[in-house]
């Protein structure tokens, strides 16, 4: 089988393109605080990456092709085919993926929310005089101007 007909190559290209979409979306939302930016980005990731099983009829009578595809794609194809049963299940999976993605984004925000709260433990708060160095001279700090 040539590599152009490979299902693995299709999933790999979908994965790489979805990462590009997520990265540009995250950077595009830079004006928002992290509390909103992370859940929105991961909500979109959950929608794009939630898989669903599908079944398509082939040209031969009674033959079907089954496989996995992103749930949002399965829902759109089922909508275009007016297949309410498949569309309902795919939409439920899409909403579930969105909820899991948003929850994961909130978890990432919660874990990283204290990252900027750095306390310098080496800072001397008590004003002790500097100890003299060799030759009795004290250390001089550089001055600009």
Protein backbone atom coordinates (compact mmCIF):
# COMPACT_ATOMS: atom_id res chain seq x y z
CA UNK A 1 0.00 0.00 0.00
CA UNK A 2 1.48 3.38 -0.91
CA UNK A 3 2.06 5.85 1.87
CA UNK A 4 -0.44 8.30 0.36
CA UNK A 5 -3.28 5.84 1.08
CA UNK A 6 -2.23 5.26 4.68
CA UNK A 7 -4.73 5.86 7.47
CA UNK A 8 -1.79 6.43 9.82
CA UNK A 9 -0.55 9.27 7.64
CA UNK A 10 -4.03 10.78 7.66
CA UNK A 11 -4.19 10.73 11.47
CA UNK A 12 -0.64 12.08 11.73
CA UNK A 13 -1.41 15.01 9.45
CA UNK A 14 -4.67 15.67 11.35
CA UNK A 15 -2.77 15.64 14.64
CA UNK A 16 -0.09 18.03 13.41
CA UNK A 17 -2.63 20.42 11.89
CA UNK A 18 -4.70 20.37 15.08
CA UNK A 19 -1.58 21.24 17.10
CA UNK A 20 -0.95 24.19 14.78
CA UNK A 21 -4.56 25.32 15.26
CA UNK A 22 -4.27 25.01 19.03
CA UNK A 23 -0.96 26.88 19.22
CA UNK A 24 -2.16 29.74 17.04
CA UNK A 25 -5.44 29.86 18.96
CA UNK A 26 -3.61 30.01 22.29
CA UNK A 27 -1.33 32.76 21.04
CA UNK A 28 -4.30 34.58 19.51
CA UNK A 29 -5.98 34.65 22.91
CA UNK A 30 -2.94 36.29 24.54
CA UNK A 31 -5.02 39.32 25.52
CA UNK A 32 -7.10 37.13 27.85
CA UNK A 33 -5.92 36.14 31.33
CA UNK A 34 -4.60 32.63 31.75
CA UNK A 35 -7.75 31.59 33.62
CA UNK A 36 -9.77 32.00 30.42
CA UNK A 37 -7.10 31.21 27.84
CA UNK A 38 -6.24 27.69 29.04
CA UNK A 39 -9.81 26.33 29.38
CA UNK A 40 -10.83 27.77 26.01
CA UNK A 41 -7.80 26.27 24.27
CA UNK A 42 -8.28 22.87 25.87
CA UNK A 43 -12.03 22.96 25.18
CA UNK A 44 -11.21 23.29 21.48
CA UNK A 45 -8.64 20.50 21.84
CA UNK A 46 -11.26 18.24 23.41
CA UNK A 47 -13.65 18.93 20.54
CA UNK A 48 -10.96 18.22 17.94
CA UNK A 49 -9.47 15.12 19.54
CA UNK A 50 -12.49 13.19 20.87
CA UNK A 51 -12.78 10.07 18.70
CA UNK A 52 -16.00 8.41 17.59
CA UNK A 53 -16.71 5.21 15.71
CA UNK A 54 -18.36 5.49 12.30
CA UNK A 55 -19.75 3.10 9.71
CA UNK A 56 -20.06 3.89 6.01
CA UNK A 57 -21.70 1.74 3.33
CA UNK A 58 -19.45 0.59 0.48
CA UNK A 59 -20.40 0.18 -3.17
CA UNK A 60 -21.04 -3.55 -2.78
CA UNK A 61 -24.40 -4.42 -1.30
CA UNK A 62 -24.27 -5.21 2.43
CA UNK A 63 -20.59 -4.17 2.85
CA UNK A 64 -19.60 -1.49 5.35
CA UNK A 65 -16.41 0.32 6.31
CA UNK A 66 -15.98 1.03 10.02
CA UNK A 67 -13.34 3.14 11.66
CA UNK A 68 -12.57 6.01 14.02
CA UNK A 69 -12.75 9.71 13.25
CA UNK A 70 -13.02 12.88 15.32
CA UNK A 71 -16.49 13.04 16.85
CA UNK A 72 -17.18 16.49 15.47
CA UNK A 73 -16.48 15.22 11.92
CA UNK A 74 -18.75 12.21 12.46
CA UNK A 75 -21.48 14.55 13.73
CA UNK A 76 -21.20 16.82 10.70
CA UNK A 77 -21.28 13.90 8.24
CA UNK A 78 -24.27 12.41 10.08
CA UNK A 79 -26.02 15.79 9.91
CA UNK A 80 -25.42 15.99 6.15
CA UNK A 81 -26.75 12.43 5.74
CA UNK A 82 -29.70 13.20 8.04
CA UNK A 83 -28.77 10.29 10.32
CA UNK A 84 -30.12 11.40 13.70
CA UNK A 85 -29.01 8.33 15.68
CA UNK A 86 -25.35 8.63 14.76
CA UNK A 87 -25.41 12.41 15.04
CA UNK A 88 -26.82 12.30 18.58
CA UNK A 89 -24.14 9.91 19.79
CA UNK A 90 -21.37 11.90 18.06
CA UNK A 91 -22.64 15.18 19.52
CA UNK A 92 -22.71 13.66 23.00
CA UNK A 93 -19.09 12.59 22.54
CA UNK A 94 -18.21 16.06 21.23
CA UNK A 95 -19.76 17.75 24.28
CA UNK A 96 -18.02 15.25 26.55
CA UNK A 97 -14.68 16.01 24.87
CA UNK A 98 -15.28 19.75 25.27
CA UNK A 99 -16.11 19.33 28.97
CA UNK A 100 -13.05 17.15 29.60
CA UNK A 101 -10.85 19.60 27.73
CA UNK A 102 -12.16 22.59 29.69
CA UNK A 103 -11.69 20.69 32.96
CA UNK A 104 -8.11 19.85 31.99
CA UNK A 105 -7.47 23.51 31.13
CA UNK A 106 -8.78 24.57 34.54
CA UNK A 107 -6.56 21.96 36.18
CA UNK A 108 -3.53 23.34 34.33
CA UNK A 109 -4.41 26.86 35.42
CA UNK A 110 -4.91 25.75 39.03
CA UNK A 111 -1.55 23.96 39.13
CA UNK A 112 0.35 26.90 37.65
CA UNK A 113 -1.39 29.80 39.35
CA UNK A 114 1.35 30.37 41.96
CA UNK A 115 4.20 30.28 39.50
CA UNK A 116 4.82 34.05 39.74
CA UNK A 117 4.83 34.11 43.55
CA UNK A 118 8.59 33.86 43.96
CA UNK A 119 10.11 34.54 47.35
CA UNK A 120 13.81 35.36 47.43
CA UNK A 121 15.14 33.55 50.46
CA UNK A 122 18.66 34.88 49.94
CA UNK A 123 17.59 38.48 50.47
CA UNK A 124 19.10 39.82 53.71
CA UNK A 125 16.39 41.69 55.52
CA UNK A 126 18.55 42.58 58.50
CA UNK A 127 20.98 45.40 57.89
CA UNK A 128 24.30 43.86 58.92
CA UNK A 129 27.44 45.65 57.83
CA UNK A 130 29.49 44.02 55.11
CA UNK A 131 32.55 42.15 56.24
CA UNK A 132 35.85 43.68 55.17
CA UNK A 133 37.84 41.93 52.46
CA UNK A 134 41.57 41.62 52.07
CA UNK A 135 43.41 44.79 52.81
CA UNK A 136 40.56 46.24 54.88
CA UNK A 137 38.57 47.47 51.84
CA UNK A 138 34.85 46.87 51.76
CA UNK A 139 33.03 45.66 48.70
CA UNK A 140 31.67 48.43 46.54
CA UNK A 141 28.56 47.96 44.44
CA UNK A 142 28.68 49.24 40.85
CA UNK A 143 26.85 52.50 40.22
CA UNK A 144 25.41 53.82 37.00
CA UNK A 145 25.66 57.55 36.38
